[in-house]
Protein backbone atom coordinates (compact mmCIF):
# COMPACT_ATOMS: atom_id res chain seq x y z
CA UNK A 1 92.08 57.86 55.49
CA UNK A 2 95.43 56.07 55.25
CA UNK A 3 96.57 53.29 52.91
CA UNK A 4 97.67 51.32 55.97
CA UNK A 5 94.13 51.45 57.35
CA UNK A 6 92.72 50.21 54.06
CA UNK A 7 95.17 47.28 54.05
CA UNK A 8 94.17 46.39 57.61
CA UNK A 9 90.50 46.62 56.72
CA UNK A 10 90.91 44.48 53.57
CA UNK A 11 92.83 41.75 55.42
CA UNK A 12 90.23 41.69 58.22
CA UNK A 13 87.46 41.46 55.61
CA UNK A 14 89.30 38.56 53.94
CA UNK A 15 89.87 36.56 57.13
CA UNK A 16 86.81 37.70 59.14
CA UNK A 17 89.00 37.34 62.20
CA UNK A 18 90.96 40.23 63.75
CA UNK A 19 93.50 37.93 65.39
CA UNK A 20 94.23 36.02 62.16
CA UNK A 21 94.40 39.25 60.16
CA UNK A 22 96.87 40.74 62.63
CA UNK A 23 99.05 37.62 62.42
CA UNK A 24 99.04 37.79 58.61
CA UNK A 25 100.12 41.45 58.79
CA UNK A 26 102.71 40.80 61.53
CA UNK A 27 101.18 43.41 63.84
CA UNK A 28 99.51 43.33 67.24
CA UNK A 29 95.76 42.72 67.24
CA UNK A 30 95.28 45.86 69.32
CA UNK A 31 97.00 47.94 66.59
CA UNK A 32 94.77 46.48 63.88
CA UNK A 33 91.61 47.04 65.92
CA UNK A 34 92.66 50.62 66.73
CA UNK A 35 93.36 51.50 63.09
CA UNK A 36 90.06 50.04 61.88
CA UNK A 37 88.22 51.93 64.65
CA UNK A 38 89.89 55.17 63.50
CA UNK A 39 88.81 54.40 59.93
CA UNK A 40 85.22 53.82 61.09
CA UNK A 41 85.28 57.08 63.07
CA UNK A 42 86.53 59.00 60.04
CA UNK A 43 83.83 57.51 57.80
CA UNK A 44 81.18 57.93 60.47
CA UNK A 45 79.92 54.37 60.10
CA UNK A 46 80.59 50.86 61.38
CA UNK A 47 82.39 48.54 58.95
CA UNK A 48 82.26 45.33 60.99
CA UNK A 49 79.71 43.66 63.23
CA UNK A 50 81.69 42.27 66.14
CA UNK A 51 80.81 39.61 68.72
CA UNK A 52 82.89 37.46 71.05
CA UNK A 53 83.62 34.78 68.47
CA UNK A 54 83.58 36.33 65.00
CA UNK A 55 83.24 39.44 62.87
CA UNK A 56 81.34 40.12 59.67
CA UNK A 57 81.01 43.05 57.33
CA UNK A 58 78.20 45.53 57.68
CA UNK A 59 76.40 46.81 54.59
CA UNK A 60 78.79 49.80 54.62
CA UNK A 61 81.73 47.39 54.87
CA UNK A 62 80.51 45.45 51.83
CA UNK A 63 80.33 48.70 49.83
CA UNK A 64 83.72 49.81 51.11
CA UNK A 65 85.64 46.61 50.31
CA UNK A 66 85.92 46.82 46.46
CA UNK A 67 87.00 50.48 46.70
CA UNK A 68 89.63 49.58 49.29
CA UNK A 69 90.96 46.70 47.17
CA UNK A 70 91.13 48.92 44.09
CA UNK A 71 92.99 51.63 46.00
CA UNK A 72 95.47 49.09 47.40
CA UNK A 73 96.04 47.64 43.92
CA UNK A 74 96.59 51.11 42.42
CA UNK A 75 99.09 51.95 45.16
CA UNK A 76 100.96 48.69 44.53
CA UNK A 77 100.95 49.34 40.77
CA UNK A 78 102.47 52.75 41.46
CA UNK A 79 105.15 51.15 43.63
CA UNK A 80 105.84 48.60 40.88
CA UNK A 81 106.42 51.39 38.36
CA UNK A 82 108.78 53.18 40.74
CA UNK A 83 110.73 49.95 41.26
CA UNK A 84 110.92 49.52 37.49
CA UNK A 85 112.50 52.98 37.28
CA UNK A 86 115.25 51.59 39.47
CA UNK A 87 116.17 49.25 36.59
CA UNK A 88 114.66 46.13 38.10
CA UNK A 89 116.98 46.08 41.11
CA UNK A 90 114.07 44.98 43.29
CA UNK A 91 110.56 43.67 42.82
CA UNK A 92 108.45 40.56 42.43
CA UNK A 93 107.26 38.79 39.29
CA UNK A 94 104.18 36.57 39.64
CA UNK A 95 103.72 34.03 36.84
CA UNK A 96 100.84 31.61 36.32
CA UNK A 97 101.58 28.48 34.29
CA UNK A 98 99.51 25.53 33.14
CA UNK A 99 101.25 22.16 33.50
CA UNK A 100 101.62 21.78 29.72
CA UNK A 101 104.02 24.75 29.68
CA UNK A 102 106.32 23.31 32.33
CA UNK A 103 108.84 21.71 29.90
CA UNK A 104 109.57 25.00 28.08
CA UNK A 105 109.80 27.19 31.19
CA UNK A 106 112.91 25.99 33.05
CA UNK A 107 115.47 27.40 30.63
CA UNK A 108 113.92 30.89 30.81
CA UNK A 109 113.60 30.87 34.60
CA UNK A 110 117.28 30.00 35.00
CA UNK A 111 118.33 32.76 32.58
CA UNK A 112 116.10 35.35 34.25
CA UNK A 113 117.23 34.73 37.84
CA UNK A 114 120.87 34.86 36.73
CA UNK A 115 120.34 38.22 35.02
CA UNK A 116 118.12 39.73 37.77
CA UNK A 117 119.12 38.09 41.04
CA UNK A 118 117.25 40.59 43.24
CA UNK A 119 113.86 40.07 41.61
CA UNK A 120 111.78 37.41 43.35
CA UNK A 121 109.93 35.07 40.97
CA UNK A 122 106.72 33.39 42.14
CA UNK A 123 105.45 30.63 39.82
CA UNK A 124 101.98 29.14 40.30
CA UNK A 125 100.90 25.95 38.50
CA UNK A 126 97.13 25.51 38.17
CA UNK A 127 94.42 24.83 35.61
CA UNK A 128 93.58 27.56 33.12
CA UNK A 129 90.34 28.72 34.77
CA UNK A 130 92.01 29.02 38.19
CA UNK A 131 94.93 30.99 36.75
CA UNK A 132 92.62 33.39 34.95
CA UNK A 133 90.76 34.08 38.17
CA UNK A 134 94.07 34.89 39.90
CA UNK A 135 95.02 37.11 36.95
CA UNK A 136 91.69 38.96 37.14
CA UNK A 137 92.29 39.54 40.87
CA UNK A 138 95.72 41.04 40.07
CA UNK A 139 97.45 38.20 41.94
CA UNK A 140 99.45 37.28 38.80
CA UNK A 141 101.30 39.52 36.36
CA UNK A 142 100.74 37.18 33.42
CA UNK A 143 99.74 33.63 32.57
CA UNK A 144 101.40 31.15 30.22
CA UNK A 145 98.76 28.87 28.76
CA UNK A 146 97.20 27.82 25.48
CA UNK A 147 94.62 30.11 23.94
CA UNK A 148 91.15 29.28 25.31
CA UNK A 149 88.46 28.07 22.94
CA UNK A 150 86.21 30.90 24.14
CA UNK A 151 88.01 34.29 24.44
CA UNK A 152 87.97 35.99 27.83
CA UNK A 153 86.61 39.57 27.70
CA UNK A 154 89.09 41.18 30.13
CA UNK A 155 92.20 39.32 28.92
CA UNK A 156 94.64 39.91 26.05
CA UNK A 157 96.06 36.69 24.62
CA UNK A 158 99.31 37.20 22.70
CA UNK A 159 100.48 34.21 20.67
CA UNK A 160 103.93 32.96 21.63
CA UNK A 161 104.03 29.83 19.45
CA UNK A 162 101.79 27.48 17.49
CA UNK A 163 101.41 23.89 18.58
CA UNK A 164 99.62 20.73 17.49
CA UNK A 165 97.31 18.48 19.50
CA UNK A 166 98.94 15.06 19.33
CA UNK A 167 98.71 11.46 20.42
CA UNK A 168 101.62 10.85 22.78
CA UNK A 169 103.01 7.31 22.75
CA UNK A 170 106.05 5.37 23.88
CA UNK A 171 108.85 4.92 21.35
CA UNK A 172 107.94 1.23 20.85
CA UNK A 173 104.21 1.81 20.41
CA UNK A 174 102.72 0.90 16.98
CA UNK A 175 101.69 4.55 16.45
CA UNK A 176 105.27 5.76 16.95
CA UNK A 177 106.08 4.90 13.33
CA UNK A 178 103.31 7.16 11.96
CA UNK A 179 103.49 10.80 10.91
CA UNK A 180 99.80 11.39 11.70
CA UNK A 181 96.97 9.55 13.40
CA UNK A 182 93.24 9.76 12.72
CA UNK A 183 90.47 9.83 15.30
CA UNK A 184 89.26 6.43 14.09
CA UNK A 185 92.76 4.96 14.62
CA UNK A 186 92.78 6.24 18.21
CA UNK A 187 89.63 4.25 18.85
CA UNK A 188 91.71 1.07 18.50
CA UNK A 189 93.97 1.84 21.48
CA UNK A 190 93.53 2.19 25.23
CA UNK A 191 93.72 5.82 26.30
CA UNK A 192 94.95 7.66 29.39
CA UNK A 193 93.46 11.14 28.98
CA UNK A 194 94.11 14.42 30.76
CA UNK A 195 91.24 15.32 33.08
CA UNK A 196 88.36 17.53 31.97
CA UNK A 197 89.28 21.18 32.39
CA UNK A 198 92.88 20.79 31.24
CA UNK A 199 93.53 22.58 27.97
CA UNK A 200 94.60 19.54 25.94
CA UNK A 201 91.41 17.77 27.07
CA UNK A 202 89.33 20.81 26.11
CA UNK A 203 90.91 20.76 22.65
CA UNK A 204 90.29 17.02 22.31
CA UNK A 205 86.67 17.42 23.45
CA UNK A 206 86.27 20.03 20.74
CA UNK A 207 87.12 17.55 17.96
CA UNK A 208 85.52 14.39 19.38
CA UNK A 209 81.78 13.86 18.98
CA UNK A 210 81.32 10.40 20.50
CA UNK A 211 83.37 9.22 23.48
CA UNK A 212 81.55 5.89 23.59
CA UNK A 213 83.83 4.68 20.79
CA UNK A 214 87.01 5.20 22.84
CA UNK A 215 88.65 2.86 25.35
CA UNK A 216 89.40 5.31 28.15
CA UNK A 217 91.15 3.55 31.03
CA UNK A 218 92.48 6.51 33.04
CA UNK A 219 91.83 10.23 33.40
CA UNK A 220 94.17 12.37 35.50
CA UNK A 221 95.32 15.96 35.83
CA UNK A 222 99.10 15.60 35.94
CA UNK A 223 101.06 15.71 32.69
CA UNK A 224 104.21 14.16 34.17
CA UNK A 225 102.27 11.13 35.41
CA UNK A 226 100.62 10.73 32.01
CA UNK A 227 104.04 10.69 30.34
CA UNK A 228 105.33 8.11 32.83
CA UNK A 229 102.35 5.86 32.05
CA UNK A 230 102.93 6.22 28.31
CA UNK A 231 106.63 5.33 28.68
CA UNK A 232 105.96 2.22 30.74
CA UNK A 233 102.81 0.87 29.03
CA UNK A 234 101.05 0.76 25.66
CA UNK A 235 98.63 3.47 26.76
CA UNK A 236 98.08 6.50 24.51
CA UNK A 237 97.51 10.00 25.84
CA UNK A 238 96.54 13.25 24.10
CA UNK A 239 98.55 16.41 24.76
CA UNK A 240 99.98 19.42 22.98
CA UNK A 241 103.12 18.50 21.05
CA UNK A 242 105.38 20.79 23.10
CA UNK A 243 104.28 19.05 26.30
CA UNK A 244 106.99 16.48 25.55
CA UNK A 245 109.73 19.03 24.83
CA UNK A 246 113.02 17.58 26.12
CA UNK A 247 111.23 14.36 27.17
CA UNK A 248 112.83 10.99 26.42
CA UNK A 249 111.32 7.77 25.07
CA UNK A 250 108.04 9.29 23.89
CA UNK A 251 106.80 10.58 20.55
CA UNK A 252 104.11 13.09 19.58
CA UNK A 253 102.01 11.99 16.60
CA UNK A 254 99.80 14.86 15.33
CA UNK A 255 96.07 14.11 15.24
CA UNK A 256 94.88 14.39 11.66
CA UNK A 257 91.87 16.73 11.89
CA UNK A 258 91.28 20.18 10.31
CA UNK A 259 92.54 23.25 12.19
CA UNK A 260 94.43 21.14 14.70
CA UNK A 261 96.30 24.03 16.26
CA UNK A 262 96.86 25.05 19.89
CA UNK A 263 98.28 28.55 20.28
CA UNK A 264 100.67 28.95 23.19
CA UNK A 265 100.01 32.41 24.61
CA UNK A 266 101.02 35.02 27.12
CA UNK A 267 97.82 36.24 28.78
CA UNK A 268 97.63 39.63 30.48
CA UNK A 269 94.79 41.83 31.70
CA UNK A 270 93.61 44.50 29.30
CA UNK A 271 94.54 48.09 30.06
CA UNK A 272 96.90 47.14 32.85
CA UNK A 273 100.46 48.20 33.58
CA UNK A 274 103.09 45.84 32.16
CA UNK A 275 106.04 45.45 34.49
CA UNK A 276 109.44 45.77 32.88
CA UNK A 277 110.33 42.49 34.57
CA UNK A 278 107.38 40.80 32.84
CA UNK A 279 108.43 42.14 29.45
CA UNK A 280 112.00 41.03 30.06
CA UNK A 281 110.94 37.53 31.11
CA UNK A 282 108.77 37.15 28.00
CA UNK A 283 111.64 38.39 25.85
CA UNK A 284 113.92 35.73 27.36
CA UNK A 285 111.20 33.11 26.84
CA UNK A 286 110.74 33.99 23.17
CA UNK A 287 114.49 33.68 22.63
CA UNK A 288 114.72 30.33 24.40
CA UNK A 289 115.58 27.21 22.45
CA UNK A 290 112.09 25.82 23.06
CA UNK A 291 110.10 28.61 21.38
CA UNK A 292 112.48 30.93 19.50
CA UNK A 293 111.27 29.82 16.08
CA UNK A 294 107.79 31.12 16.99
CA UNK A 295 108.78 34.65 18.02
CA UNK A 296 106.18 37.43 18.29
CA UNK A 297 107.02 41.08 18.76
CA UNK A 298 103.89 42.22 20.62
CA UNK A 299 105.66 43.75 23.64
C-alpha cells in the first residue's frame, strides 16, 4: 500500500468522480484508475461501486476513508517537521481569521513575508464556526478569533489580548462624547448590527435579554461595510473595540455591563504539531503595534 494510492483514493472519495479527481491531482484518469485498482487488489475488496455516470464508496470504502485521511495527514505532518528542520526555507502556513481581526493582521503579514519570503501564506476569512471546522479537519494551522462563549473540546484557545465589546459610532454622533454607554442608552438609537453567528453579535446576544426594545435597521456580516455605514450615517453598530484599530472617523464607546470582555485568541488543535512558522508568525503578531501591550508567552 503506497501513500500515493491513498491520496488518489481520498481525492476520488471526495469528488466521487474519477475524471475530476484526476484533474485535481494533475494526472491521467487511467493512472488514477490503475492505482486504485491495485489498491483494491492488495486489500482484496472493492472500494468503489462504478457505473457509466458516477462512482460511490462501498461499505469497505467508507471504513477505509478515515484511515486513509489520517495516514495522509500524518505523512504531511512529518513533511512539515522536516521542512521546519530546514529553518523555514520552504513550507506553507494556513491561517484562519475572523473579519474582526482583519485590522490588526496586516502589519504582521507584511513583516512575516519579508522575513520568510519562501514560505507561502494562505489566509482564510470566515465565521468562527466555519474556521473551527477547517481547523478540526487540519486544513488550517491556527485560527485568530475571539474566545468562544462555549469552549470547544478539541481546541486550545491561547489569549493574545483582551478587548471590550463597544458601541461603534461616527465622530459626530452624540455617543462619541461618552466614555461608556449603557444598554438602555443604546435603545434610543437606530442600530446596524453584525449578523447572527459573528462573534461580536454572539457577545451582544449574551448580554441582551429583550431585542424588542431595540431599533434594529440593518443586520449584515461584513465589518468594513458596518464601519462605512457608521461613518456616513447616525447608525450605531456593536463590535469589539479593536475592530476599529487604525480606522478613521469612528469611535468605540465601551458598553457598560459587567464582565464586558472579549479575549482575542490564537486557537490550535490539542495535541497537534506546532509548525515553527506558526510560532514565528504568532511571535511577530504579539510584538506588533496593535497587540504588543497584551503579550502572552504560551508558545
